[in-house]
């Protein structure tokens, strides 16, 4: 998406961007950075360890993220 934008291929970049719209909104529904950490955990990049006062993302949100990642084959 970034490479397309840098080459001026905006329509193609926007198509990719819109595939992630639902995922973008889920990142912040339960607070930041808990949603971002949950997504990175689902992708296998980090352990989802939070320090107080942060609380984990809701199970329903994580399930939605997981389904979107599966649909996008990520």
PDB file of N, CA and C in Angstrom:
ATOM      1  N   UNK A   1       0.824  -1.174   0.000  1.00  0.00           N
ATOM      2  CA  UNK A   1       0.000   0.000   0.000  1.00  0.00           C
ATOM      3  C   UNK A   1       0.881   1.255   0.000  1.00  0.00           C
ATOM      4  N   UNK A   2       1.899   1.279   0.845  1.00  0.00           N
ATOM      5  CA  UNK A   2       2.787   2.436   0.925  1.00  0.00           C
ATOM      6  C   UNK A   2       3.577   2.598  -0.365  1.00  0.00           C
ATOM      7  N   UNK A   3       4.068   1.490  -0.887  1.00  0.00           N
ATOM      8  CA  UNK A   3       4.835   1.570  -2.145  1.00  0.00           C
ATOM      9  C   UNK A   3       3.967   2.085  -3.285  1.00  0.00           C
ATOM     10  N   UNK A   4       2.729   1.633  -3.339  1.00  0.00           N
ATOM     11  CA  UNK A   4       1.809   2.119  -4.367  1.00  0.00           C
ATOM     12  C   UNK A   4       1.587   3.620  -4.226  1.00  0.00           C
ATOM     13  N   UNK A   5       1.385   4.068  -2.999  1.00  0.00           N
ATOM     14  CA  UNK A   5       1.167   5.496  -2.766  1.00  0.00           C
ATOM     15  C   UNK A   5       2.388   6.308  -3.168  1.00  0.00           C
ATOM     16  N   UNK A   6       3.564   5.807  -2.847  1.00  0.00           N
ATOM     17  CA  UNK A   6       4.793   6.528  -3.185  1.00  0.00           C
ATOM     18  C   UNK A   6       5.005   6.617  -4.700  1.00  0.00           C
ATOM     19  N   UNK A   7       4.486   5.638  -5.420  1.00  0.00           N
ATOM     20  CA  UNK A   7       4.593   5.672  -6.889  1.00  0.00           C
ATOM     21  C   UNK A   7       3.457   6.464  -7.527  1.00  0.00           C
ATOM     22  N   UNK A   8       2.562   6.998  -6.694  1.00  0.00           N
ATOM     23  CA  UNK A   8       1.455   7.781  -7.226  1.00  0.00           C
ATOM     24  C   UNK A   8       0.261   6.954  -7.654  1.00  0.00           C
ATOM     25  N   UNK A   9       0.253   5.677  -7.311  1.00  0.00           N
ATOM     26  CA  UNK A   9      -0.856   4.792  -7.669  1.00  0.00           C
ATOM     27  C   UNK A   9      -1.882   4.801  -6.531  1.00  0.00           C
ATOM     28  N   UNK A  10      -2.564   5.948  -6.415  1.00  0.00           N
ATOM     29  CA  UNK A  10      -3.440   6.184  -5.276  1.00  0.00           C
ATOM     30  C   UNK A  10      -4.664   5.279  -5.247  1.00  0.00           C
ATOM     31  N   UNK A  11      -5.270   5.011  -6.386  1.00  0.00           N
ATOM     32  CA  UNK A  11      -6.474   4.170  -6.403  1.00  0.00           C
ATOM     33  C   UNK A  11      -6.174   2.774  -5.884  1.00  0.00           C
ATOM     34  N   UNK A  12      -5.067   2.209  -6.327  1.00  0.00           N
ATOM     35  CA  UNK A  12      -4.691   0.868  -5.870  1.00  0.00           C
ATOM     36  C   UNK A  12      -4.368   0.881  -4.377  1.00  0.00           C
ATOM     37  N   UNK A  13      -3.699   1.932  -3.898  1.00  0.00           N
ATOM     38  CA  UNK A  13      -3.368   2.048  -2.478  1.00  0.00           C
ATOM     39  C   UNK A  13      -4.633   2.178  -1.638  1.00  0.00           C
ATOM     40  N   UNK A  14      -5.594   2.948  -2.105  1.00  0.00           N
ATOM     41  CA  UNK A  14      -6.850   3.140  -1.367  1.00  0.00           C
ATOM     42  C   UNK A  14      -7.630   1.836  -1.270  1.00  0.00           C
ATOM     43  N   UNK A  15      -7.604   1.026  -2.309  1.00  0.00           N
ATOM     44  CA  UNK A  15      -8.297  -0.274  -2.272  1.00  0.00           C
ATOM     45  C   UNK A  15      -7.743  -1.143  -1.150  1.00  0.00           C
ATOM     46  N   UNK A  16      -6.424  -1.166  -1.015  1.00  0.00           N
ATOM     47  CA  UNK A  16      -5.801  -1.948   0.058  1.00  0.00           C
ATOM     48  C   UNK A  16      -6.161  -1.343   1.411  1.00  0.00           C
ATOM     49  N   UNK A  17      -6.082  -0.033   1.514  1.00  0.00           N
ATOM     50  CA  UNK A  17      -6.406   0.661   2.765  1.00  0.00           C
ATOM     51  C   UNK A  17      -7.813   0.300   3.247  1.00  0.00           C
ATOM     52  N   UNK A  18      -8.768   0.281   2.343  1.00  0.00           N
ATOM     53  CA  UNK A  18     -10.151   0.004   2.730  1.00  0.00           C
ATOM     54  C   UNK A  18     -10.361  -1.438   3.188  1.00  0.00           C
ATOM     55  N   UNK A  19      -9.494  -2.347   2.792  1.00  0.00           N
ATOM     56  CA  UNK A  19      -9.591  -3.719   3.281  1.00  0.00           C
ATOM     57  C   UNK A  19      -9.326  -3.795   4.781  1.00  0.00           C
ATOM     58  N   UNK A  20      -8.601  -2.815   5.307  1.00  0.00           N
ATOM     59  CA  UNK A  20      -8.216  -2.806   6.715  1.00  0.00           C
ATOM     60  C   UNK A  20      -9.105  -1.920   7.589  1.00  0.00           C
ATOM     61  N   UNK A  21     -10.126  -1.297   7.034  1.00  0.00           N
ATOM     62  CA  UNK A  21     -10.946  -0.336   7.773  1.00  0.00           C
ATOM     63  C   UNK A  21     -11.538  -0.933   9.045  1.00  0.00           C
ATOM     64  N   UNK A  22     -12.123  -2.101   8.971  1.00  0.00           N
ATOM     65  CA  UNK A  22     -12.717  -2.725  10.163  1.00  0.00           C
ATOM     66  C   UNK A  22     -11.651  -3.022  11.214  1.00  0.00           C
ATOM     67  N   UNK A  23     -10.498  -3.451  10.771  1.00  0.00           N
ATOM     68  CA  UNK A  23      -9.411  -3.748  11.691  1.00  0.00           C
ATOM     69  C   UNK A  23      -8.924  -2.482  12.382  1.00  0.00           C
ATOM     70  N   UNK A  24      -8.806  -1.395  11.636  1.00  0.00           N
ATOM     71  CA  UNK A  24      -8.372  -0.124  12.230  1.00  0.00           C
ATOM     72  C   UNK A  24      -9.289   0.284  13.374  1.00  0.00           C
ATOM     73  N   UNK A  25     -10.589   0.160  13.185  1.00  0.00           N
ATOM     74  CA  UNK A  25     -11.522   0.588  14.237  1.00  0.00           C
ATOM     75  C   UNK A  25     -11.440  -0.325  15.461  1.00  0.00           C
ATOM     76  N   UNK A  26     -11.161  -1.595  15.269  1.00  0.00           N
ATOM     77  CA  UNK A  26     -11.050  -2.518  16.394  1.00  0.00           C
ATOM     78  C   UNK A  26      -9.826  -2.248  17.259  1.00  0.00           C
ATOM     79  N   UNK A  27      -8.808  -1.636  16.698  1.00  0.00           N
ATOM     80  CA  UNK A  27      -7.585  -1.383  17.455  1.00  0.00           C
ATOM     81  C   UNK A  27      -7.827  -0.490  18.661  1.00  0.00           C
ATOM     82  N   UNK A  28      -8.807   0.377  18.586  1.00  0.00           N
ATOM     83  CA  UNK A  28      -8.996   1.379  19.626  1.00  0.00           C
ATOM     84  C   UNK A  28     -10.316   1.260  20.385  1.00  0.00           C
ATOM     85  N   UNK A  29     -11.129   0.275  20.053  1.00  0.00           N
ATOM     86  CA  UNK A  29     -12.440   0.135  20.684  1.00  0.00           C
ATOM     87  C   UNK A  29     -12.327  -0.163  22.185  1.00  0.00           C
ATOM     88  N   UNK A  30     -11.292  -0.856  22.597  1.00  0.00           N
ATOM     89  CA  UNK A  30     -11.112  -1.199  24.012  1.00  0.00           C
ATOM     90  C   UNK A  30      -9.982  -0.406  24.658  1.00  0.00           C
ATOM     91  N   UNK A  31      -9.505   0.597  23.981  1.00  0.00           N
ATOM     92  CA  UNK A  31      -8.435   1.425  24.534  1.00  0.00           C
ATOM     93  C   UNK A  31      -7.106   1.167  23.859  1.00  0.00           C
ATOM     94  N   UNK A  32      -6.291   2.181  23.930  1.00  0.00           N
ATOM     95  CA  UNK A  32      -4.969   2.121  23.325  1.00  0.00           C
ATOM     96  C   UNK A  32      -3.951   2.037  24.456  1.00  0.00           C
ATOM     97  N   UNK A  33      -2.964   1.205  24.415  1.00  0.00           N
ATOM     98  CA  UNK A  33      -2.485   0.359  23.336  1.00  0.00           C
ATOM     99  C   UNK A  33      -2.950  -1.088  23.423  1.00  0.00           C
ATOM    100  N   UNK A  34      -3.937  -1.381  24.263  1.00  0.00           N
ATOM    101  CA  UNK A  34      -4.369  -2.770  24.453  1.00  0.00           C
ATOM    102  C   UNK A  34      -4.785  -3.429  23.144  1.00  0.00           C
ATOM    103  N   UNK A  35      -5.524  -2.720  22.300  1.00  0.00           N
ATOM    104  CA  UNK A  35      -5.959  -3.288  21.024  1.00  0.00           C
ATOM    105  C   UNK A  35      -4.806  -3.553  20.080  1.00  0.00           C
ATOM    106  N   UNK A  36      -3.866  -2.634  20.044  1.00  0.00           N
ATOM    107  CA  UNK A  36      -2.687  -2.804  19.185  1.00  0.00           C
ATOM    108  C   UNK A  36      -1.879  -4.008  19.657  1.00  0.00           C
ATOM    109  N   UNK A  37      -1.699  -4.119  20.969  1.00  0.00           N
ATOM    110  CA  UNK A  37      -0.947  -5.260  21.505  1.00  0.00           C
ATOM    111  C   UNK A  37      -1.679  -6.580  21.234  1.00  0.00           C
ATOM    112  N   UNK A  38      -2.996  -6.561  21.343  1.00  0.00           N
ATOM    113  CA  UNK A  38      -3.770  -7.776  21.064  1.00  0.00           C
ATOM    114  C   UNK A  38      -3.605  -8.192  19.606  1.00  0.00           C
ATOM    115  N   UNK A  39      -3.636  -7.231  18.710  1.00  0.00           N
ATOM    116  CA  UNK A  39      -3.459  -7.545  17.284  1.00  0.00           C
ATOM    117  C   UNK A  39      -2.062  -8.097  17.022  1.00  0.00           C
ATOM    118  N   UNK A  40      -1.044  -7.455  17.561  1.00  0.00           N
ATOM    119  CA  UNK A  40       0.327  -7.942  17.372  1.00  0.00           C
ATOM    120  C   UNK A  40       0.501  -9.339  17.946  1.00  0.00           C
ATOM    121  N   UNK A  41      -0.195  -9.624  19.048  1.00  0.00           N
ATOM    122  CA  UNK A  41      -0.161 -10.973  19.624  1.00  0.00           C
ATOM    123  C   UNK A  41      -0.827 -11.975  18.683  1.00  0.00           C
ATOM    124  N   UNK A  42      -1.982 -11.608  18.145  1.00  0.00           N
ATOM    125  CA  UNK A  42      -2.692 -12.490  17.217  1.00  0.00           C
ATOM    126  C   UNK A  42      -1.848 -12.778  15.970  1.00  0.00           C
ATOM    127  N   UNK A  43      -1.016 -11.818  15.581  1.00  0.00           N
ATOM    128  CA  UNK A  43      -0.154 -11.986  14.411  1.00  0.00           C
ATOM    129  C   UNK A  43       1.142 -12.730  14.754  1.00  0.00           C
ATOM    130  N   UNK A  44       1.354 -13.009  16.058  1.00  0.00           N
ATOM    131  CA  UNK A  44       2.522 -13.777  16.480  1.00  0.00           C
ATOM    132  C   UNK A  44       3.779 -12.953  16.714  1.00  0.00           C
ATOM    133  N   UNK A  45       3.651 -11.632  16.815  1.00  0.00           N
ATOM    134  CA  UNK A  45       4.827 -10.783  16.986  1.00  0.00           C
ATOM    135  C   UNK A  45       5.233 -10.576  18.441  1.00  0.00           C
ATOM    136  N   UNK A  46       4.264 -10.553  19.368  1.00  0.00           N
ATOM    137  CA  UNK A  46       4.572 -10.270  20.772  1.00  0.00           C
ATOM    138  C   UNK A  46       3.718 -11.125  21.683  1.00  0.00           C
ATOM    139  N   UNK A  47       4.110 -11.171  22.963  1.00  0.00           N
ATOM    140  CA  UNK A  47       3.242 -11.710  24.006  1.00  0.00           C
ATOM    141  C   UNK A  47       2.345 -10.570  24.451  1.00  0.00           C
ATOM    142  N   UNK A  48       1.113 -10.877  24.723  1.00  0.00           N
ATOM    143  CA  UNK A  48       0.155  -9.835  25.103  1.00  0.00           C
ATOM    144  C   UNK A  48       0.191  -9.630  26.620  1.00  0.00           C
ATOM    145  N   UNK A  49       1.252  -8.964  27.079  1.00  0.00           N
ATOM    146  CA  UNK A  49       1.430  -8.701  28.503  1.00  0.00           C
ATOM    147  C   UNK A  49       1.203  -7.218  28.736  1.00  0.00           C
ATOM    148  N   UNK A  50       0.263  -6.900  29.623  1.00  0.00           N
ATOM    149  CA  UNK A  50      -0.067  -5.511  29.924  1.00  0.00           C
ATOM    150  C   UNK A  50       0.231  -5.212  31.381  1.00  0.00           C
ATOM    151  N   UNK A  51       0.626  -3.975  31.646  1.00  0.00           N
ATOM    152  CA  UNK A  51       0.827  -3.520  33.015  1.00  0.00           C
ATOM    153  C   UNK A  51      -0.350  -2.638  33.402  1.00  0.00           C
ATOM    154  N   UNK A  52      -0.704  -2.665  34.674  1.00  0.00           N
ATOM    155  CA  UNK A  52      -1.763  -1.797  35.163  1.00  0.00           C
ATOM    156  C   UNK A  52      -1.374  -0.345  34.924  1.00  0.00           C
ATOM    157  N   UNK A  53      -2.301   0.468  34.559  1.00  0.00           N
ATOM    158  CA  UNK A  53      -3.753   0.342  34.629  1.00  0.00           C
ATOM    159  C   UNK A  53      -4.380  -0.240  33.365  1.00  0.00           C
ATOM    160  N   UNK A  54      -3.578  -0.702  32.403  1.00  0.00           N
ATOM    161  CA  UNK A  54      -4.154  -1.276  31.188  1.00  0.00           C
ATOM    162  C   UNK A  54      -4.808  -2.613  31.489  1.00  0.00           C
ATOM    163  N   UNK A  55      -5.869  -2.879  30.762  1.00  0.00           N
ATOM    164  CA  UNK A  55      -6.569  -4.156  30.879  1.00  0.00           C
ATOM    165  C   UNK A  55      -6.630  -4.773  29.487  1.00  0.00           C
ATOM    166  N   UNK A  56      -6.710  -6.090  29.419  1.00  0.00           N
ATOM    167  CA  UNK A  56      -6.739  -6.752  28.116  1.00  0.00           C
ATOM    168  C   UNK A  56      -7.962  -6.363  27.279  1.00  0.00           C
ATOM    169  N   UNK A  57      -7.803  -6.485  25.991  1.00  0.00           N
ATOM    170  CA  UNK A  57      -8.896  -6.280  25.051  1.00  0.00           C
ATOM    171  C   UNK A  57      -9.944  -7.362  25.277  1.00  0.00           C
ATOM    172  N   UNK A  58     -11.206  -7.018  25.089  1.00  0.00           N
ATOM    173  CA  UNK A  58     -12.283  -7.993  25.274  1.00  0.00           C
ATOM    174  C   UNK A  58     -12.113  -9.181  24.319  1.00  0.00           C
ATOM    175  N   UNK A  59     -12.554 -10.325  24.772  1.00  0.00           N
ATOM    176  CA  UNK A  59     -12.459 -11.554  23.978  1.00  0.00           C
ATOM    177  C   UNK A  59     -13.179 -11.380  22.638  1.00  0.00           C
ATOM    178  N   UNK A  60     -14.338 -10.757  22.648  1.00  0.00           N
ATOM    179  CA  UNK A  60     -15.102 -10.555  21.411  1.00  0.00           C
ATOM    180  C   UNK A  60     -14.312  -9.724  20.402  1.00  0.00           C
ATOM    181  N   UNK A  61     -13.593  -8.723  20.889  1.00  0.00           N
ATOM    182  CA  UNK A  61     -12.796  -7.881  20.002  1.00  0.00           C
ATOM    183  C   UNK A  61     -11.647  -8.688  19.403  1.00  0.00           C
ATOM    184  N   UNK A  62     -10.989  -9.478  20.228  1.00  0.00           N
ATOM    185  CA  UNK A  62      -9.882 -10.309  19.753  1.00  0.00           C
ATOM    186  C   UNK A  62     -10.384 -11.319  18.723  1.00  0.00           C
ATOM    187  N   UNK A  63     -11.553 -11.880  18.954  1.00  0.00           N
ATOM    188  CA  UNK A  63     -12.115 -12.836  17.998  1.00  0.00           C
ATOM    189  C   UNK A  63     -12.398 -12.163  16.656  1.00  0.00           C
ATOM    190  N   UNK A  64     -12.913 -10.938  16.692  1.00  0.00           N
ATOM    191  CA  UNK A  64     -13.159 -10.201  15.451  1.00  0.00           C
ATOM    192  C   UNK A  64     -11.855  -9.910  14.727  1.00  0.00           C
ATOM    193  N   UNK A  65     -10.832  -9.493  15.483  1.00  0.00           N
ATOM    194  CA  UNK A  65      -9.522  -9.238  14.886  1.00  0.00           C
ATOM    195  C   UNK A  65      -8.975 -10.496  14.227  1.00  0.00           C
ATOM    196  N   UNK A  66      -9.078 -11.591  14.936  1.00  0.00           N
ATOM    197  CA  UNK A  66      -8.576 -12.872  14.429  1.00  0.00           C
ATOM    198  C   UNK A  66      -9.278 -13.264  13.133  1.00  0.00           C
ATOM    199  N   UNK A  67     -10.585 -13.073  13.083  1.00  0.00           N
ATOM    200  CA  UNK A  67     -11.339 -13.405  11.877  1.00  0.00           C
ATOM    201  C   UNK A  67     -10.928 -12.518  10.699  1.00  0.00           C
ATOM    202  N   UNK A  68     -10.734 -11.237  10.950  1.00  0.00           N
ATOM    203  CA  UNK A  68     -10.311 -10.331   9.884  1.00  0.00           C
ATOM    204  C   UNK A  68      -8.932 -10.726   9.377  1.00  0.00           C
ATOM    205  N   UNK A  69      -8.015 -11.045  10.286  1.00  0.00           N
ATOM    206  CA  UNK A  69      -6.678 -11.485   9.870  1.00  0.00           C
ATOM    207  C   UNK A  69      -6.769 -12.744   9.015  1.00  0.00           C
ATOM    208  N   UNK A  70      -7.643 -13.657   9.409  1.00  0.00           N
ATOM    209  CA  UNK A  70      -7.834 -14.896   8.646  1.00  0.00           C
ATOM    210  C   UNK A  70      -8.399 -14.580   7.264  1.00  0.00           C
ATOM    211  N   UNK A  71      -9.389 -13.697   7.209  1.00  0.00           N
ATOM    212  CA  UNK A  71      -9.994 -13.318   5.930  1.00  0.00           C
ATOM    213  C   UNK A  71      -8.985 -12.640   5.000  1.00  0.00           C
ATOM    214  N   UNK A  72      -8.084 -11.839   5.600  1.00  0.00           N
ATOM    215  CA  UNK A  72      -7.063 -11.140   4.807  1.00  0.00           C
ATOM    216  C   UNK A  72      -5.839 -12.005   4.540  1.00  0.00           C
ATOM    217  N   UNK A  73      -5.845 -13.217   5.110  1.00  0.00           N
ATOM    218  CA  UNK A  73      -4.732 -14.170   4.969  1.00  0.00           C
ATOM    219  C   UNK A  73      -3.427 -13.584   5.503  1.00  0.00           C
ATOM    220  N   UNK A  74      -3.537 -12.960   6.697  1.00  0.00           N
ATOM    221  CA  UNK A  74      -2.355 -12.385   7.362  1.00  0.00           C
ATOM    222  C   UNK A  74      -1.973 -13.191   8.583  1.00  0.00           C
TER     223      UNK A  74
END
